[in-house]
Amino acid sequence: YYARAHTVVEGKHVWSDEVVFVVRGPAGQPVREFTIKAGNSGFEPSVIEVKKGDLVVITFEVADDAHANGIRIVSPGWEGAPALMPGQKHEVQFTASNTFDYRMFWLAGSLLKGTGTVKVTV
């Protein structure tokens, strides 16, 4: 992440230099945040890459074109798989340890509609 300060002095906009910083989790590990869209054609992006030990926060945003009866996103990488309706968001958190896949199913008929991957590197 990066930040800059902004102010107005005598009617002129003034910006500070950029400062780069790393957000860390409770155990001091880097935090990696992602937003993944889940729609009728799958996940976007479908692959994310993190380092082993990172605290990963994924917000799934269910697109309006997702099945009207809802979807479920399941994975061995986190607990819980609530039913989600178009327009809803769901956040998962975990510490990256191994590469794994997650899958999206329509609630009506349990049809597999997409697969995503969390790729964990050393």
N, C-alpha and C. Protein backbone atom coordinates (compact mmCIF):
# COMPACT_ATOMS: atom_id res chain seq x y z
N TYR A 1 0.83 -1.18 0.00
CA TYR A 1 0.00 0.00 0.00
C TYR A 1 0.88 1.24 0.00
N TYR A 2 0.30 2.36 -0.39
CA TYR A 2 1.02 3.61 -0.32
C TYR A 2 0.06 4.72 0.11
N ALA A 3 0.63 5.82 0.60
CA ALA A 3 -0.19 6.94 1.03
C ALA A 3 0.53 8.24 0.71
N ARG A 4 -0.26 9.29 0.56
CA ARG A 4 0.25 10.65 0.37
C ARG A 4 -0.66 11.58 1.16
N ALA A 5 -0.08 12.63 1.71
CA ALA A 5 -0.87 13.64 2.40
C ALA A 5 -1.19 14.77 1.42
N HIS A 6 -2.34 15.41 1.64
CA HIS A 6 -2.79 16.49 0.76
C HIS A 6 -3.30 17.64 1.62
N THR A 7 -2.98 18.84 1.20
CA THR A 7 -3.52 20.03 1.86
C THR A 7 -3.62 21.14 0.82
N VAL A 8 -4.30 22.20 1.19
CA VAL A 8 -4.40 23.38 0.33
C VAL A 8 -3.77 24.53 1.09
N VAL A 9 -2.75 25.15 0.48
CA VAL A 9 -2.05 26.28 1.07
C VAL A 9 -2.20 27.46 0.13
N GLU A 10 -2.83 28.52 0.63
CA GLU A 10 -3.05 29.74 -0.15
C GLU A 10 -3.69 29.42 -1.51
N GLY A 11 -4.68 28.51 -1.47
CA GLY A 11 -5.42 28.17 -2.68
C GLY A 11 -4.73 27.19 -3.61
N LYS A 12 -3.57 26.70 -3.23
CA LYS A 12 -2.84 25.75 -4.08
C LYS A 12 -2.81 24.38 -3.41
N HIS A 13 -3.01 23.34 -4.23
CA HIS A 13 -2.96 21.97 -3.73
C HIS A 13 -1.51 21.53 -3.55
N VAL A 14 -1.22 20.98 -2.39
CA VAL A 14 0.14 20.52 -2.07
C VAL A 14 0.05 19.06 -1.64
N TRP A 15 0.91 18.21 -2.24
CA TRP A 15 0.95 16.78 -1.93
C TRP A 15 2.30 16.44 -1.34
N SER A 16 2.32 15.55 -0.36
CA SER A 16 3.57 15.05 0.19
C SER A 16 4.14 13.99 -0.74
N ASP A 17 5.35 13.54 -0.44
CA ASP A 17 5.93 12.40 -1.15
C ASP A 17 5.15 11.15 -0.76
N GLU A 18 5.20 10.14 -1.62
CA GLU A 18 4.53 8.87 -1.32
C GLU A 18 5.30 8.12 -0.25
N VAL A 19 4.55 7.46 0.63
CA VAL A 19 5.12 6.59 1.65
C VAL A 19 4.57 5.20 1.41
N VAL A 20 5.43 4.21 1.29
CA VAL A 20 5.02 2.82 1.07
C VAL A 20 5.01 2.10 2.41
N PHE A 21 3.96 1.31 2.66
CA PHE A 21 3.89 0.56 3.90
C PHE A 21 3.23 -0.78 3.67
N VAL A 22 3.47 -1.71 4.58
CA VAL A 22 2.91 -3.06 4.52
C VAL A 22 1.94 -3.21 5.68
N VAL A 23 0.71 -3.64 5.38
CA VAL A 23 -0.26 -3.92 6.43
C VAL A 23 0.04 -5.30 6.99
N ARG A 24 0.03 -5.43 8.31
CA ARG A 24 0.35 -6.70 8.94
C ARG A 24 -0.81 -7.19 9.80
N GLY A 25 -0.92 -8.52 9.88
CA GLY A 25 -1.96 -9.15 10.69
C GLY A 25 -1.56 -9.20 12.14
N PRO A 26 -2.41 -9.81 12.99
CA PRO A 26 -2.16 -9.87 14.43
C PRO A 26 -0.85 -10.55 14.80
N ALA A 27 -0.42 -11.51 13.99
CA ALA A 27 0.83 -12.22 14.29
C ALA A 27 2.02 -11.58 13.58
N GLY A 28 1.81 -10.40 12.97
CA GLY A 28 2.90 -9.69 12.30
C GLY A 28 3.10 -10.08 10.85
N GLN A 29 2.28 -10.98 10.32
CA GLN A 29 2.43 -11.42 8.95
C GLN A 29 1.79 -10.41 7.98
N PRO A 30 2.27 -10.33 6.74
CA PRO A 30 1.66 -9.43 5.77
C PRO A 30 0.20 -9.82 5.50
N VAL A 31 -0.64 -8.82 5.27
CA VAL A 31 -2.04 -9.04 4.92
C VAL A 31 -2.21 -8.80 3.43
N ARG A 32 -2.80 -9.76 2.74
CA ARG A 32 -3.10 -9.65 1.31
C ARG A 32 -4.60 -9.63 1.15
N GLU A 33 -5.14 -8.58 0.53
CA GLU A 33 -6.58 -8.44 0.35
C GLU A 33 -6.94 -8.52 -1.12
N PHE A 34 -8.02 -9.26 -1.41
CA PHE A 34 -8.48 -9.44 -2.79
C PHE A 34 -9.99 -9.29 -2.83
N THR A 35 -10.49 -8.79 -3.96
CA THR A 35 -11.91 -8.82 -4.25
C THR A 35 -12.08 -9.69 -5.48
N ILE A 36 -12.92 -10.71 -5.37
CA ILE A 36 -13.14 -11.65 -6.47
C ILE A 36 -14.62 -11.62 -6.82
N LYS A 37 -14.92 -11.39 -8.08
CA LYS A 37 -16.30 -11.39 -8.55
C LYS A 37 -16.70 -12.81 -8.92
N ALA A 38 -17.87 -13.22 -8.44
CA ALA A 38 -18.41 -14.55 -8.74
C ALA A 38 -19.66 -14.36 -9.57
N GLY A 39 -19.61 -14.83 -10.81
CA GLY A 39 -20.74 -14.66 -11.71
C GLY A 39 -21.06 -15.92 -12.48
N ASN A 40 -21.96 -15.80 -13.40
CA ASN A 40 -22.43 -16.95 -14.17
C ASN A 40 -21.30 -17.60 -14.99
N SER A 41 -20.26 -16.83 -15.30
CA SER A 41 -19.16 -17.38 -16.09
C SER A 41 -17.95 -17.76 -15.23
N GLY A 42 -18.10 -17.74 -13.90
CA GLY A 42 -17.00 -18.15 -13.04
C GLY A 42 -16.48 -17.02 -12.17
N PHE A 43 -15.20 -17.10 -11.81
CA PHE A 43 -14.56 -16.12 -10.93
C PHE A 43 -13.67 -15.18 -11.73
N GLU A 44 -13.58 -13.94 -11.27
CA GLU A 44 -12.68 -12.96 -11.87
C GLU A 44 -12.03 -12.16 -10.76
N PRO A 45 -10.72 -12.27 -10.52
CA PRO A 45 -9.81 -13.19 -11.19
C PRO A 45 -10.03 -14.63 -10.69
N SER A 46 -9.57 -15.58 -11.49
CA SER A 46 -9.75 -16.98 -11.11
C SER A 46 -8.54 -17.54 -10.36
N VAL A 47 -7.42 -16.84 -10.41
CA VAL A 47 -6.21 -17.28 -9.69
C VAL A 47 -5.64 -16.08 -8.94
N ILE A 48 -5.34 -16.29 -7.66
CA ILE A 48 -4.60 -15.28 -6.91
C ILE A 48 -3.34 -15.94 -6.36
N GLU A 49 -2.30 -15.16 -6.19
CA GLU A 49 -1.03 -15.70 -5.72
C GLU A 49 -0.62 -14.99 -4.44
N VAL A 50 -0.27 -15.78 -3.42
CA VAL A 50 0.14 -15.24 -2.13
C VAL A 50 1.37 -16.01 -1.67
N LYS A 51 2.01 -15.49 -0.62
CA LYS A 51 3.16 -16.17 -0.05
C LYS A 51 2.74 -16.96 1.18
N LYS A 52 3.44 -18.06 1.40
CA LYS A 52 3.16 -18.90 2.57
C LYS A 52 3.29 -18.04 3.82
N GLY A 53 2.28 -18.13 4.70
CA GLY A 53 2.27 -17.36 5.94
C GLY A 53 1.50 -16.06 5.87
N ASP A 54 1.17 -15.58 4.64
CA ASP A 54 0.38 -14.35 4.51
C ASP A 54 -1.00 -14.55 5.12
N LEU A 55 -1.54 -13.51 5.75
CA LEU A 55 -2.94 -13.50 6.14
C LEU A 55 -3.71 -13.04 4.90
N VAL A 56 -4.60 -13.88 4.40
CA VAL A 56 -5.33 -13.60 3.16
C VAL A 56 -6.78 -13.26 3.50
N VAL A 57 -7.25 -12.15 2.94
CA VAL A 57 -8.64 -11.72 3.10
C VAL A 57 -9.23 -11.62 1.70
N ILE A 58 -10.24 -12.44 1.43
CA ILE A 58 -10.91 -12.42 0.12
C ILE A 58 -12.35 -11.97 0.34
N THR A 59 -12.77 -10.96 -0.41
CA THR A 59 -14.17 -10.56 -0.43
C THR A 59 -14.75 -11.04 -1.75
N PHE A 60 -15.69 -11.96 -1.67
CA PHE A 60 -16.40 -12.43 -2.86
C PHE A 60 -17.60 -11.52 -3.09
N GLU A 61 -17.71 -10.97 -4.29
CA GLU A 61 -18.86 -10.16 -4.68
C GLU A 61 -19.66 -10.96 -5.70
N VAL A 62 -20.90 -11.26 -5.37
CA VAL A 62 -21.73 -12.07 -6.27
C VAL A 62 -22.36 -11.14 -7.31
N ALA A 63 -22.05 -11.40 -8.57
CA ALA A 63 -22.52 -10.56 -9.67
C ALA A 63 -24.03 -10.70 -9.87
N ASP A 64 -24.62 -9.70 -10.48
CA ASP A 64 -26.06 -9.72 -10.76
C ASP A 64 -26.45 -10.84 -11.71
N ASP A 65 -25.47 -11.32 -12.54
CA ASP A 65 -25.80 -12.39 -13.49
C ASP A 65 -25.67 -13.79 -12.88
N ALA A 66 -25.34 -13.87 -11.58
CA ALA A 66 -25.29 -15.18 -10.92
C ALA A 66 -26.71 -15.74 -10.85
N HIS A 67 -26.82 -17.05 -10.68
CA HIS A 67 -28.13 -17.70 -10.68
C HIS A 67 -29.05 -17.04 -9.65
N ALA A 68 -30.28 -16.78 -10.04
CA ALA A 68 -31.25 -16.08 -9.19
C ALA A 68 -31.54 -16.82 -7.89
N ASN A 69 -31.39 -18.14 -7.87
CA ASN A 69 -31.61 -18.92 -6.65
C ASN A 69 -30.40 -18.93 -5.73
N GLY A 70 -29.29 -18.34 -6.18
CA GLY A 70 -28.10 -18.22 -5.35
C GLY A 70 -26.99 -19.19 -5.69
N ILE A 71 -25.85 -18.96 -5.04
CA ILE A 71 -24.66 -19.78 -5.24
C ILE A 71 -24.08 -20.14 -3.89
N ARG A 72 -23.14 -21.08 -3.92
CA ARG A 72 -22.38 -21.45 -2.73
C ARG A 72 -20.93 -21.60 -3.18
N ILE A 73 -19.99 -21.01 -2.41
CA ILE A 73 -18.56 -21.12 -2.71
C ILE A 73 -17.95 -21.99 -1.62
N VAL A 74 -17.39 -23.13 -2.02
CA VAL A 74 -16.83 -24.08 -1.05
C VAL A 74 -15.34 -24.27 -1.28
N SER A 75 -14.63 -24.55 -0.17
CA SER A 75 -13.20 -24.73 -0.28
C SER A 75 -12.65 -25.40 0.97
N PRO A 76 -11.56 -26.17 0.82
CA PRO A 76 -10.88 -26.70 2.00
C PRO A 76 -10.03 -25.64 2.68
N GLY A 77 -9.91 -24.45 2.06
CA GLY A 77 -9.03 -23.40 2.59
C GLY A 77 -9.64 -22.55 3.68
N TRP A 78 -10.96 -22.64 3.87
CA TRP A 78 -11.63 -21.88 4.93
C TRP A 78 -12.89 -22.61 5.35
N GLU A 79 -13.42 -22.19 6.48
CA GLU A 79 -14.63 -22.81 7.01
C GLU A 79 -15.86 -22.03 6.56
N GLY A 80 -16.96 -22.74 6.41
CA GLY A 80 -18.23 -22.09 6.09
C GLY A 80 -18.42 -21.91 4.59
N ALA A 81 -19.66 -22.07 4.16
CA ALA A 81 -20.02 -21.88 2.76
C ALA A 81 -21.48 -21.44 2.70
N PRO A 82 -21.76 -20.19 3.09
CA PRO A 82 -23.16 -19.76 3.13
C PRO A 82 -23.76 -19.62 1.73
N ALA A 83 -25.09 -19.71 1.68
CA ALA A 83 -25.80 -19.43 0.42
C ALA A 83 -25.71 -17.93 0.16
N LEU A 84 -25.35 -17.56 -1.05
CA LEU A 84 -25.19 -16.15 -1.42
C LEU A 84 -26.09 -15.84 -2.60
N MET A 85 -26.73 -14.70 -2.53
CA MET A 85 -27.63 -14.26 -3.60
C MET A 85 -26.94 -13.18 -4.44
N PRO A 86 -27.41 -12.98 -5.70
CA PRO A 86 -26.84 -11.91 -6.52
C PRO A 86 -26.83 -10.58 -5.75
N GLY A 87 -25.70 -9.88 -5.84
CA GLY A 87 -25.54 -8.60 -5.17
C GLY A 87 -24.94 -8.68 -3.77
N GLN A 88 -24.86 -9.88 -3.20
CA GLN A 88 -24.30 -10.03 -1.86
C GLN A 88 -22.78 -10.14 -1.90
N LYS A 89 -22.17 -9.88 -0.72
CA LYS A 89 -20.73 -10.04 -0.54
C LYS A 89 -20.50 -11.00 0.62
N HIS A 90 -19.36 -11.69 0.55
CA HIS A 90 -18.97 -12.61 1.63
C HIS A 90 -17.45 -12.56 1.76
N GLU A 91 -16.97 -12.41 3.01
CA GLU A 91 -15.53 -12.31 3.25
C GLU A 91 -15.03 -13.58 3.94
N VAL A 92 -13.88 -14.06 3.48
CA VAL A 92 -13.20 -15.18 4.13
C VAL A 92 -11.78 -14.74 4.48
N GLN A 93 -11.25 -15.30 5.57
CA GLN A 93 -9.87 -15.01 5.99
C GLN A 93 -9.19 -16.33 6.35
N PHE A 94 -7.91 -16.40 6.00
CA PHE A 94 -7.13 -17.59 6.35
C PHE A 94 -5.65 -17.24 6.23
N THR A 95 -4.83 -18.06 6.86
CA THR A 95 -3.38 -17.93 6.72
C THR A 95 -2.94 -18.89 5.63
N ALA A 96 -2.23 -18.37 4.64
CA ALA A 96 -1.83 -19.19 3.48
C ALA A 96 -0.81 -20.25 3.90
N SER A 97 -1.13 -21.50 3.54
CA SER A 97 -0.19 -22.58 3.85
C SER A 97 0.07 -23.46 2.63
N ASN A 98 -0.98 -23.79 1.87
CA ASN A 98 -0.84 -24.66 0.70
C ASN A 98 -1.72 -24.13 -0.44
N THR A 99 -1.35 -24.44 -1.66
CA THR A 99 -2.17 -24.12 -2.82
C THR A 99 -3.45 -24.96 -2.76
N PHE A 100 -4.59 -24.34 -3.10
CA PHE A 100 -5.85 -25.07 -3.11
C PHE A 100 -6.83 -24.41 -4.08
N ASP A 101 -7.85 -25.18 -4.44
CA ASP A 101 -8.93 -24.68 -5.31
C ASP A 101 -10.17 -24.40 -4.48
N TYR A 102 -10.99 -23.49 -4.97
CA TYR A 102 -12.32 -23.26 -4.41
C TYR A 102 -13.30 -23.33 -5.57
N ARG A 103 -14.54 -23.70 -5.26
CA ARG A 103 -15.53 -23.96 -6.32
C ARG A 103 -16.83 -23.23 -6.03
N MET A 104 -17.51 -22.83 -7.11
CA MET A 104 -18.80 -22.18 -7.01
C MET A 104 -19.86 -23.09 -7.62
N PHE A 105 -20.92 -23.32 -6.84
CA PHE A 105 -22.04 -24.14 -7.29
C PHE A 105 -23.32 -23.32 -7.26
N TRP A 106 -24.19 -23.57 -8.24
CA TRP A 106 -25.55 -23.05 -8.17
C TRP A 106 -26.25 -23.81 -7.07
N LEU A 107 -27.08 -23.13 -6.28
CA LEU A 107 -27.86 -23.81 -5.26
C LEU A 107 -28.93 -24.69 -5.89
N ALA A 108 -29.49 -24.23 -7.00
CA ALA A 108 -30.50 -25.02 -7.71
C ALA A 108 -29.80 -26.07 -8.55
N GLY A 109 -29.83 -27.31 -8.13
CA GLY A 109 -29.25 -28.40 -8.90
C GLY A 109 -27.80 -28.69 -8.63
N SER A 110 -27.15 -27.89 -7.77
CA SER A 110 -25.73 -28.10 -7.41
C SER A 110 -24.82 -28.17 -8.62
N LEU A 111 -25.08 -27.38 -9.65
CA LEU A 111 -24.27 -27.35 -10.86
C LEU A 111 -22.98 -26.57 -10.61
N LEU A 112 -21.82 -27.18 -10.92
CA LEU A 112 -20.54 -26.51 -10.80
C LEU A 112 -20.44 -25.41 -11.85
N LYS A 113 -20.22 -24.17 -11.41
CA LYS A 113 -20.18 -23.03 -12.34
C LYS A 113 -18.83 -22.35 -12.41
N GLY A 114 -17.91 -22.69 -11.52
CA GLY A 114 -16.59 -22.04 -11.60
C GLY A 114 -15.64 -22.62 -10.60
N THR A 115 -14.35 -22.54 -10.95
CA THR A 115 -13.27 -22.98 -10.06
C THR A 115 -12.22 -21.89 -10.01
N GLY A 116 -11.75 -21.58 -8.81
CA GLY A 116 -10.67 -20.62 -8.63
C GLY A 116 -9.56 -21.27 -7.87
N THR A 117 -8.39 -20.63 -7.89
CA THR A 117 -7.21 -21.19 -7.23
C THR A 117 -6.50 -20.12 -6.39
N VAL A 118 -6.12 -20.53 -5.19
CA VAL A 118 -5.20 -19.74 -4.37
C VAL A 118 -3.85 -20.42 -4.50
N LYS A 119 -2.92 -19.76 -5.17
CA LYS A 119 -1.59 -20.32 -5.39
C LYS A 119 -0.67 -19.78 -4.32
N VAL A 120 -0.08 -20.69 -3.52
CA VAL A 120 0.79 -20.30 -2.42
C VAL A 120 2.24 -20.58 -2.80
N THR A 121 3.06 -19.54 -2.72
CA THR A 121 4.49 -19.69 -3.02
C THR A 121 5.30 -19.50 -1.75
N VAL A 122 6.55 -19.92 -1.80
CA VAL A 122 7.42 -19.79 -0.62
C VAL A 122 8.03 -18.42 -0.56
